[in-house]
Amino acid sequence: MKGSLKIGRLLGIPIKIHISFLLILPLFALSFAFASTSLLGFTLGYGGLPLADWAKLALGLSATILFFIAVLVHELAHSYVALRNGYRISGITLFLFGGASEIEHQPKDAPGEGLMALIGPVTSFAIGLAFLPLWYLFSGMSGLGWEIATITVGLTSFYNLLLAGFNIIPAFPMDGGRVLRAVLAKRLGFTRATSIAVQVGKMVALAMALVGFIFFNPWLIIIALFIYIGAGQEERGTLISQALDGVTVGQVMTSPVSTIGPGASIRDLLDKMMIEKHLGYPVVDGGRLVGIVTLQDAQKVPVDQHLVVRVGQVMTPQVMTVAPDTPAMEAIQAVSGKNIGRLVVLDQDRIVGIISRSDLMRVLEVRVAERGQTRGVN
């Protein structure tokens, strides 16, 4: 997810926070600090306590961090089951609406998706239930310290139970939408099940937005928009995956590959681009791939330095590579996820081709036309 900062690693999975998380964190902290709402017996904030504002803020921030740790555990549960079923997870990101496990590779027809989706709400429900006895025990104690403890465990219990209930709503991209697809797929097939689950998700989103407008609740409207957009993205992703089923990188790559050496000048590079109409080249030194250079790299060099600066000085040494038998869908996920324009194709350390984002899009358009699909692939 763009705009994210890596903060650590758990179970071998990178943990990141998105910039939107930094915006929502103080809002949660302020709400917990100064609210004193009571709901179903839970006191959902420290506002009614005889404490200084700074102490309430500290408690609100602590409760917020505790809640988002629980959100992280929820996502780790998803990721653990996903890894056991052959998925590849590129990271877990905490953002505005909670958390998301980023699937880098999804096996065909999403095996184990039902369990993978269900385990998250089950984990949140278990956390909520685990804190209930403590909340009940602490609520019978007297004293300010016990009151603080009661509110803290009550907040944790209440919002984890709420998180579990919200995520089980049968609407993409919520966990409940994925459970619904997994159930439908057993009878209707993966593509048809996705279409139905997506439409259910969009209807739920529209209903939530309507309620939000009626009761002037902007958060409900924002969440509804998030669900509606997420449902559309899921449908597009499935259509793309089905359209590219069976297509490999080797079938669509450009070969042979024009390369350039690290000692060539930027002027040589630009002349080569003008003649060959390519905007990026693998950089090869002694038959070995050492980097990749693009027009954007060349544009960073002042014009009066074009004859002096060498390709090796501006190239990117870390090159994303794929094998000829790599599925084309994985190549699309790589260029999209890493926001790069092209991949070098290697066969036993030998450059055999190059594949660009535009190559993949052209192949996708042709396959979609062959299948008569017209929705959701742009």
Protein backbone atom coordinates (compact mmCIF):
# COMPACT_ATOMS: atom_id res chain seq x y z
CA MET A 1 0.00 0.00 0.00
CA LYS A 2 1.47 3.36 -1.07
CA GLY A 3 2.29 5.85 1.67
CA SER A 4 3.18 3.13 4.20
CA LEU A 5 6.12 2.88 6.60
CA LYS A 6 7.53 -0.46 7.73
CA ILE A 7 7.80 -0.69 11.52
CA GLY A 8 8.73 -4.34 12.05
CA ARG A 9 8.16 -7.97 11.12
CA LEU A 10 6.05 -10.76 12.69
CA LEU A 11 5.80 -14.37 11.47
CA GLY A 12 8.15 -13.25 8.70
CA ILE A 13 5.53 -10.72 7.50
CA PRO A 14 6.43 -7.00 7.23
CA ILE A 15 4.23 -4.84 9.47
CA LYS A 16 3.53 -1.34 8.14
CA ILE A 17 1.54 1.72 9.11
CA HIS A 18 -0.17 3.88 6.49
CA ILE A 19 -0.22 7.66 6.72
CA SER A 20 -3.99 7.51 7.25
CA PHE A 21 -3.35 5.50 10.44
CA LEU A 22 -1.40 8.44 11.84
CA LEU A 23 -4.46 10.61 11.20
CA ILE A 24 -6.97 8.27 12.83
CA LEU A 25 -4.77 7.44 15.86
CA PRO A 26 -5.20 10.85 17.59
CA LEU A 27 -8.94 10.85 16.82
CA PHE A 28 -9.37 7.51 18.57
CA ALA A 29 -7.18 8.68 21.46
CA LEU A 30 -9.22 11.89 21.90
CA SER A 31 -12.49 9.98 21.73
CA PHE A 32 -11.40 7.43 24.33
CA ALA A 33 -9.87 10.15 26.52
CA PHE A 34 -12.86 12.49 26.82
CA ALA A 35 -15.93 10.37 26.04
CA SER A 36 -17.99 9.03 28.92
CA THR A 37 -20.70 7.21 26.96
CA SER A 38 -22.23 4.11 28.52
CA LEU A 39 -23.47 1.34 26.24
CA LEU A 40 -24.58 -2.15 27.26
CA GLY A 41 -22.94 -1.57 30.61
CA PHE A 42 -19.57 -0.58 29.14
CA THR A 43 -18.15 2.89 29.81
CA LEU A 44 -16.53 3.83 26.51
CA GLY A 45 -14.09 6.49 27.63
CA TYR A 46 -12.28 8.12 30.53
CA GLY A 47 -14.09 11.49 30.31
CA GLY A 48 -16.06 11.01 33.51
CA LEU A 49 -13.05 10.30 35.69
CA PRO A 50 -11.64 12.92 38.13
CA LEU A 51 -8.34 13.19 36.23
CA ALA A 52 -6.31 15.95 34.58
CA ASP A 53 -6.71 16.24 30.81
CA TRP A 54 -3.14 15.05 30.17
CA ALA A 55 -3.81 11.89 32.20
CA LYS A 56 -7.02 11.23 30.23
CA LEU A 57 -5.10 11.71 26.98
CA ALA A 58 -2.42 9.25 28.11
CA LEU A 59 -5.07 6.69 29.00
CA GLY A 60 -6.90 7.31 25.71
CA LEU A 61 -3.70 6.80 23.73
CA SER A 62 -2.90 3.61 25.67
CA ALA A 63 -6.38 2.21 25.00
CA THR A 64 -6.06 3.11 21.31
CA ILE A 65 -2.71 1.32 21.01
CA LEU A 66 -4.17 -1.71 22.78
CA PHE A 67 -7.08 -1.77 20.34
CA PHE A 68 -4.85 -1.57 17.27
CA ILE A 69 -2.63 -4.33 18.66
CA ALA A 70 -5.81 -6.43 18.68
CA VAL A 71 -6.47 -5.36 15.05
CA LEU A 72 -2.93 -6.50 14.20
CA VAL A 73 -3.57 -9.89 15.85
CA HIS A 74 -6.77 -10.13 13.77
CA GLU A 75 -4.75 -9.61 10.57
CA LEU A 76 -1.98 -11.97 11.67
CA ALA A 77 -4.60 -14.70 12.07
CA HIS A 78 -5.71 -14.08 8.46
CA SER A 79 -2.12 -14.15 7.23
CA TYR A 80 -1.17 -17.31 9.11
CA VAL A 81 -4.03 -19.30 7.56
CA ALA A 82 -3.32 -17.75 4.16
CA LEU A 83 0.34 -18.81 4.27
CA ARG A 84 -0.72 -22.34 5.20
CA ASN A 85 -2.90 -22.44 2.06
CA GLY A 86 -0.25 -21.35 -0.42
CA TYR A 87 -0.88 -17.59 -0.50
CA ARG A 88 2.01 -15.14 -0.41
CA ILE A 89 1.62 -12.15 1.94
CA SER A 90 3.69 -9.06 1.17
CA GLY A 91 2.76 -7.31 4.41
CA ILE A 92 0.15 -6.21 6.92
CA THR A 93 -0.76 -2.52 6.93
CA LEU A 94 -2.60 -0.62 9.66
CA PHE A 95 -4.60 2.20 8.09
CA LEU A 96 -7.68 4.40 8.46
CA PHE A 97 -10.22 1.55 8.63
CA GLY A 98 -8.16 -0.84 10.75
CA GLY A 99 -5.84 -3.28 9.03
CA ALA A 100 -5.30 -5.21 5.81
CA SER A 101 -3.28 -8.30 4.89
CA GLU A 102 -1.73 -7.63 1.49
CA ILE A 103 -1.94 -10.77 -0.67
CA GLU A 104 0.93 -10.82 -3.16
CA HIS A 105 -0.06 -14.14 -4.70
CA GLN A 106 -3.41 -15.90 -4.53
CA PRO A 107 -3.63 -19.50 -5.74
CA LYS A 108 -6.22 -20.23 -8.38
CA ASP A 109 -9.81 -20.16 -7.06
CA ALA A 110 -8.61 -18.97 -3.62
CA PRO A 111 -8.34 -22.30 -1.74
CA GLY A 112 -9.16 -22.09 1.96
CA GLU A 113 -10.57 -18.58 1.56
CA GLY A 114 -13.56 -19.27 3.81
CA LEU A 115 -11.42 -20.31 6.76
CA MET A 116 -8.88 -17.58 6.05
CA ALA A 117 -11.62 -14.93 6.14
CA LEU A 118 -13.50 -16.38 9.10
CA ILE A 119 -10.45 -16.71 11.36
CA GLY A 120 -10.09 -12.92 11.65
CA PRO A 121 -13.53 -12.21 13.16
CA VAL A 122 -13.23 -15.36 15.29
CA THR A 123 -9.93 -14.03 16.67
CA SER A 124 -11.45 -10.62 17.45
CA PHE A 125 -14.47 -12.31 19.05
CA ALA A 126 -12.16 -14.47 21.18
CA ILE A 127 -10.20 -11.40 22.34
CA GLY A 128 -13.44 -9.62 23.21
CA LEU A 129 -14.73 -12.62 25.16
CA ALA A 130 -11.39 -13.07 26.97
CA PHE A 131 -11.59 -9.55 28.42
CA LEU A 132 -15.21 -9.90 29.56
CA PRO A 133 -14.45 -11.79 32.82
CA LEU A 134 -11.82 -9.18 33.75
CA TRP A 135 -14.29 -6.38 33.04
CA TYR A 136 -16.91 -8.09 35.21
CA LEU A 137 -14.37 -8.70 38.01
CA PHE A 138 -12.89 -5.19 37.96
CA SER A 139 -16.30 -3.50 37.82
CA GLY A 140 -17.04 -4.83 41.31
CA MET A 141 -13.96 -3.15 42.79
CA SER A 142 -13.87 0.34 44.30
CA GLY A 143 -11.24 3.01 43.81
CA LEU A 144 -9.97 5.16 40.94
CA GLY A 145 -7.35 2.61 39.84
CA TRP A 146 -9.95 -0.15 39.51
CA GLU A 147 -12.25 2.24 37.65
CA ILE A 148 -9.49 2.96 35.12
CA ALA A 149 -8.81 -0.78 34.75
CA THR A 150 -12.53 -1.49 34.29
CA ILE A 151 -12.88 1.09 31.51
CA THR A 152 -9.69 -0.15 29.77
CA VAL A 153 -10.67 -3.82 29.65
CA GLY A 154 -14.25 -2.83 28.85
CA LEU A 155 -13.14 -0.74 25.87
CA THR A 156 -10.96 -3.59 24.64
CA SER A 157 -13.74 -6.15 25.01
CA PHE A 158 -16.49 -3.99 23.48
CA TYR A 159 -14.57 -2.82 20.41
CA ASN A 160 -13.17 -6.26 19.61
CA LEU A 161 -16.67 -7.72 19.73
CA LEU A 162 -17.83 -4.84 17.54
CA LEU A 163 -14.93 -5.44 15.14
CA ALA A 164 -15.85 -9.12 14.88
CA GLY A 165 -19.50 -8.33 14.20
CA PHE A 166 -18.72 -5.62 11.64
CA ASN A 167 -16.24 -7.77 9.70
CA ILE A 168 -18.63 -10.68 9.36
CA ILE A 169 -21.07 -8.53 7.34
CA PRO A 170 -21.36 -10.32 3.94
CA ALA A 171 -19.91 -7.46 1.92
CA PHE A 172 -16.64 -7.30 0.00
CA PRO A 173 -13.96 -6.47 1.01
CA MET A 174 -15.13 -7.42 4.51
CA ASP A 175 -14.31 -10.88 5.81
CA GLY A 176 -17.97 -11.86 5.63
CA GLY A 177 -17.96 -11.19 1.87
CA ARG A 178 -15.12 -13.64 1.41
CA VAL A 179 -16.88 -16.25 3.53
CA LEU A 180 -19.99 -15.77 1.38
CA ARG A 181 -17.94 -16.24 -1.81
CA ALA A 182 -16.30 -19.38 -0.44
CA VAL A 183 -19.72 -20.89 0.35
CA LEU A 184 -21.21 -19.94 -3.04
CA ALA A 185 -18.14 -21.10 -4.98
CA LYS A 186 -18.76 -24.72 -3.98
CA ARG A 187 -22.00 -24.69 -5.98
CA LEU A 188 -21.64 -21.93 -8.55
CA GLY A 189 -17.94 -21.78 -9.33
CA PHE A 190 -15.45 -19.10 -8.32
CA THR A 191 -16.25 -16.46 -10.95
CA ARG A 192 -20.03 -16.57 -10.53
CA ALA A 193 -19.67 -16.65 -6.72
CA THR A 194 -17.46 -13.56 -6.87
CA SER A 195 -20.01 -11.69 -8.99
CA ILE A 196 -22.85 -12.45 -6.55
CA ALA A 197 -20.77 -11.62 -3.46
CA VAL A 198 -19.67 -8.34 -5.05
CA GLN A 199 -23.25 -7.32 -5.84
CA VAL A 200 -24.30 -8.15 -2.27
CA GLY A 201 -21.40 -6.05 -1.02
CA LYS A 202 -22.41 -3.08 -3.15
CA MET A 203 -26.03 -3.30 -1.98
CA VAL A 204 -24.88 -3.37 1.65
CA ALA A 205 -22.66 -0.36 0.98
CA LEU A 206 -25.53 1.59 -0.57
CA ALA A 207 -27.78 0.75 2.40
CA MET A 208 -25.08 1.90 4.84
CA ALA A 209 -24.61 5.14 2.90
CA LEU A 210 -28.37 5.78 2.97
CA VAL A 211 -28.49 5.27 6.73
CA GLY A 212 -25.46 7.55 7.06
CA PHE A 213 -27.19 10.34 5.13
CA ILE A 214 -30.46 9.93 7.06
CA PHE A 215 -28.74 10.12 10.46
CA PHE A 216 -25.99 12.56 9.36
CA ASN A 217 -23.25 10.07 10.17
CA PRO A 218 -20.19 10.87 7.99
CA TRP A 219 -18.21 7.87 9.25
CA LEU A 220 -20.89 5.46 8.03
CA ILE A 221 -20.84 7.17 4.62
CA ILE A 222 -17.05 6.91 4.39
CA ILE A 223 -17.11 3.22 5.35
CA ALA A 224 -19.86 2.59 2.79
CA LEU A 225 -17.72 4.24 0.10
CA PHE A 226 -14.75 2.10 1.15
CA ILE A 227 -16.85 -1.09 0.89
CA TYR A 228 -18.33 -0.11 -2.50
CA ILE A 229 -14.92 0.70 -4.02
CA GLY A 230 -13.36 -2.40 -2.48
CA ALA A 231 -16.10 -4.62 -3.94
CA GLY A 232 -15.45 -3.20 -7.42
CA GLN A 233 -11.71 -3.76 -7.07
CA GLU A 234 -12.29 -7.36 -6.02
CA GLU A 235 -14.48 -7.95 -9.07
CA ARG A 236 -11.87 -6.43 -11.40
CA GLY A 237 -9.11 -8.52 -9.82
CA THR A 238 -11.08 -11.72 -10.29
CA LEU A 239 -11.92 -10.93 -13.93
CA ILE A 240 -8.27 -10.18 -14.65
CA SER A 241 -7.16 -13.39 -12.96
CA GLN A 242 -9.65 -15.46 -14.93
CA ALA A 243 -8.75 -13.74 -18.22
CA LEU A 244 -5.04 -14.44 -17.75
CA ASP A 245 -5.50 -18.01 -16.55
CA GLY A 246 -2.87 -20.19 -18.23
CA VAL A 247 -0.89 -17.28 -19.73
CA THR A 248 2.80 -17.18 -18.81
CA VAL A 249 5.41 -14.44 -19.02
CA GLY A 250 7.27 -16.40 -21.70
CA GLN A 251 4.25 -16.16 -24.01
CA VAL A 252 4.02 -12.36 -23.90
CA MET A 253 7.55 -11.10 -23.24
CA THR A 254 9.61 -9.15 -25.78
CA SER A 255 12.60 -11.12 -27.05
CA PRO A 256 15.44 -10.76 -27.92
CA VAL A 257 16.27 -7.99 -25.46
CA SER A 258 18.19 -4.84 -26.27
CA THR A 259 20.59 -3.98 -23.43
CA ILE A 260 23.09 -1.26 -22.59
CA GLY A 261 26.38 -1.25 -20.70
CA PRO A 262 27.06 0.70 -17.47
CA GLY A 263 29.83 2.66 -19.20
CA ALA A 264 27.55 4.18 -21.84
CA SER A 265 26.83 7.90 -21.49
CA ILE A 266 23.39 9.35 -20.91
CA ARG A 267 23.62 10.81 -24.44
CA ASP A 268 24.19 7.28 -25.80
CA LEU A 269 21.18 6.06 -23.80
CA LEU A 270 18.87 8.78 -25.13
CA ASP A 271 20.03 8.19 -28.72
CA LYS A 272 19.32 4.48 -28.28
CA MET A 273 15.84 5.27 -26.95
CA MET A 274 15.10 7.52 -29.93
CA ILE A 275 16.14 4.84 -32.43
CA GLU A 276 14.62 1.76 -30.76
CA LYS A 277 11.54 3.43 -29.20
CA HIS A 278 12.10 1.80 -25.79
CA LEU A 279 11.96 3.70 -22.51
CA GLY A 280 13.94 1.29 -20.35
CA TYR A 281 16.89 -1.09 -20.71
CA PRO A 282 18.53 -3.83 -18.67
CA VAL A 283 22.12 -2.84 -17.86
CA VAL A 284 24.55 -5.67 -18.60
CA ASP A 285 28.23 -5.83 -17.67
CA GLY A 286 30.22 -8.79 -18.95
CA GLY A 287 27.06 -10.77 -19.66
CA ARG A 288 25.77 -10.20 -16.12
CA LEU A 289 22.63 -8.22 -15.27
CA VAL A 290 23.70 -5.36 -12.97
CA GLY A 291 20.75 -2.96 -13.11
CA ILE A 292 18.01 -1.32 -15.10
CA VAL A 293 17.86 2.23 -16.47
CA THR A 294 14.81 4.18 -17.63
CA LEU A 295 13.98 7.51 -19.23
CA GLN A 296 13.06 8.83 -15.79
CA ASP A 297 16.62 8.09 -14.62
CA ALA A 298 18.07 9.95 -17.59
CA GLN A 299 15.79 12.96 -17.01
CA LYS A 300 17.38 13.53 -13.60
CA VAL A 301 20.71 14.36 -15.27
CA PRO A 302 21.27 18.02 -16.38
CA VAL A 303 21.57 18.42 -20.16
CA ASP A 304 25.13 19.73 -19.94
CA GLN A 305 26.14 16.51 -18.16
CA HIS A 306 24.72 14.05 -20.71
CA LEU A 307 28.14 13.29 -22.22
CA VAL A 308 29.84 12.97 -18.83
CA VAL A 309 27.44 10.98 -16.64
CA ARG A 310 27.37 7.23 -17.22
CA VAL A 311 24.46 4.82 -17.14
CA GLY A 312 26.04 2.98 -14.21
CA GLN A 313 25.77 6.15 -12.12
CA VAL A 314 21.99 6.57 -12.53
CA MET A 315 20.71 3.01 -13.01
CA THR A 316 18.69 1.13 -10.40
CA PRO A 317 20.80 -1.83 -9.23
CA GLN A 318 17.87 -3.72 -7.67
CA VAL A 319 16.09 -5.34 -10.62
CA MET A 320 12.75 -7.14 -10.40
CA THR A 321 13.04 -10.36 -12.39
CA VAL A 322 10.69 -13.20 -13.30
CA ALA A 323 11.09 -16.57 -14.99
CA PRO A 324 9.53 -17.44 -18.37
CA ASP A 325 7.07 -19.83 -16.70
CA THR A 326 5.84 -17.21 -14.22
CA PRO A 327 2.06 -16.70 -14.60
CA ALA A 328 1.22 -13.39 -16.27
CA MET A 329 -1.11 -12.57 -13.36
CA GLU A 330 1.84 -12.65 -10.97
CA ALA A 331 3.73 -10.30 -13.29
CA ILE A 332 0.80 -7.84 -13.20
CA GLN A 333 0.71 -8.03 -9.42
CA ALA A 334 4.46 -7.38 -9.30
CA VAL A 335 4.44 -4.27 -11.53
CA SER A 336 1.34 -2.91 -9.78
CA GLY A 337 2.47 -3.67 -6.24
CA LYS A 338 5.99 -2.32 -6.74
CA ASN A 339 4.85 0.50 -9.06
CA ILE A 340 7.44 -0.32 -11.73
CA GLY A 341 7.21 -0.24 -15.51
CA ARG A 342 8.94 -3.44 -16.58
CA LEU A 343 10.35 -6.80 -15.46
CA VAL A 344 13.45 -8.55 -16.78
CA VAL A 345 12.88 -12.21 -17.67
CA LEU A 346 15.71 -14.54 -16.61
CA ASP A 347 16.22 -18.19 -17.42
CA GLN A 348 19.06 -19.60 -15.31
CA ASP A 349 20.64 -16.13 -14.94
CA ARG A 350 20.43 -15.52 -18.69
CA ILE A 351 18.31 -12.63 -19.98
CA VAL A 352 15.73 -14.08 -22.34
CA GLY A 353 13.16 -11.31 -22.45
CA ILE A 354 11.61 -8.21 -20.96
CA ILE A 355 7.97 -7.55 -20.17
CA SER A 356 6.44 -4.12 -19.58
CA ARG A 357 3.24 -2.95 -17.94
CA SER A 358 1.89 -2.00 -21.38
CA ASP A 359 2.68 -5.51 -22.72
CA LEU A 360 0.64 -7.03 -19.92
CA MET A 361 -2.26 -4.63 -20.42
CA ARG A 362 -2.42 -5.38 -24.16
CA VAL A 363 -2.51 -9.12 -23.52
CA LEU A 364 -5.19 -8.59 -20.88
CA GLU A 365 -7.35 -6.57 -23.30
CA VAL A 366 -7.09 -9.30 -25.95
CA ARG A 367 -7.97 -12.10 -23.49
CA VAL A 368 -10.91 -10.13 -22.13
CA ALA A 369 -12.17 -9.58 -25.69
CA GLU A 370 -11.80 -13.32 -26.42
CA ARG A 371 -13.94 -14.17 -23.40
CA GLY A 372 -16.52 -11.49 -24.14
CA GLN A 373 -15.94 -9.79 -20.77
CA THR A 374 -16.53 -6.05 -20.75
CA ARG A 375 -16.93 -5.03 -17.11
CA GLY A 376 -14.45 -4.06 -14.46
CA VAL A 377 -11.07 -4.59 -16.15
CA ASN A 378 -9.92 -1.01 -16.81
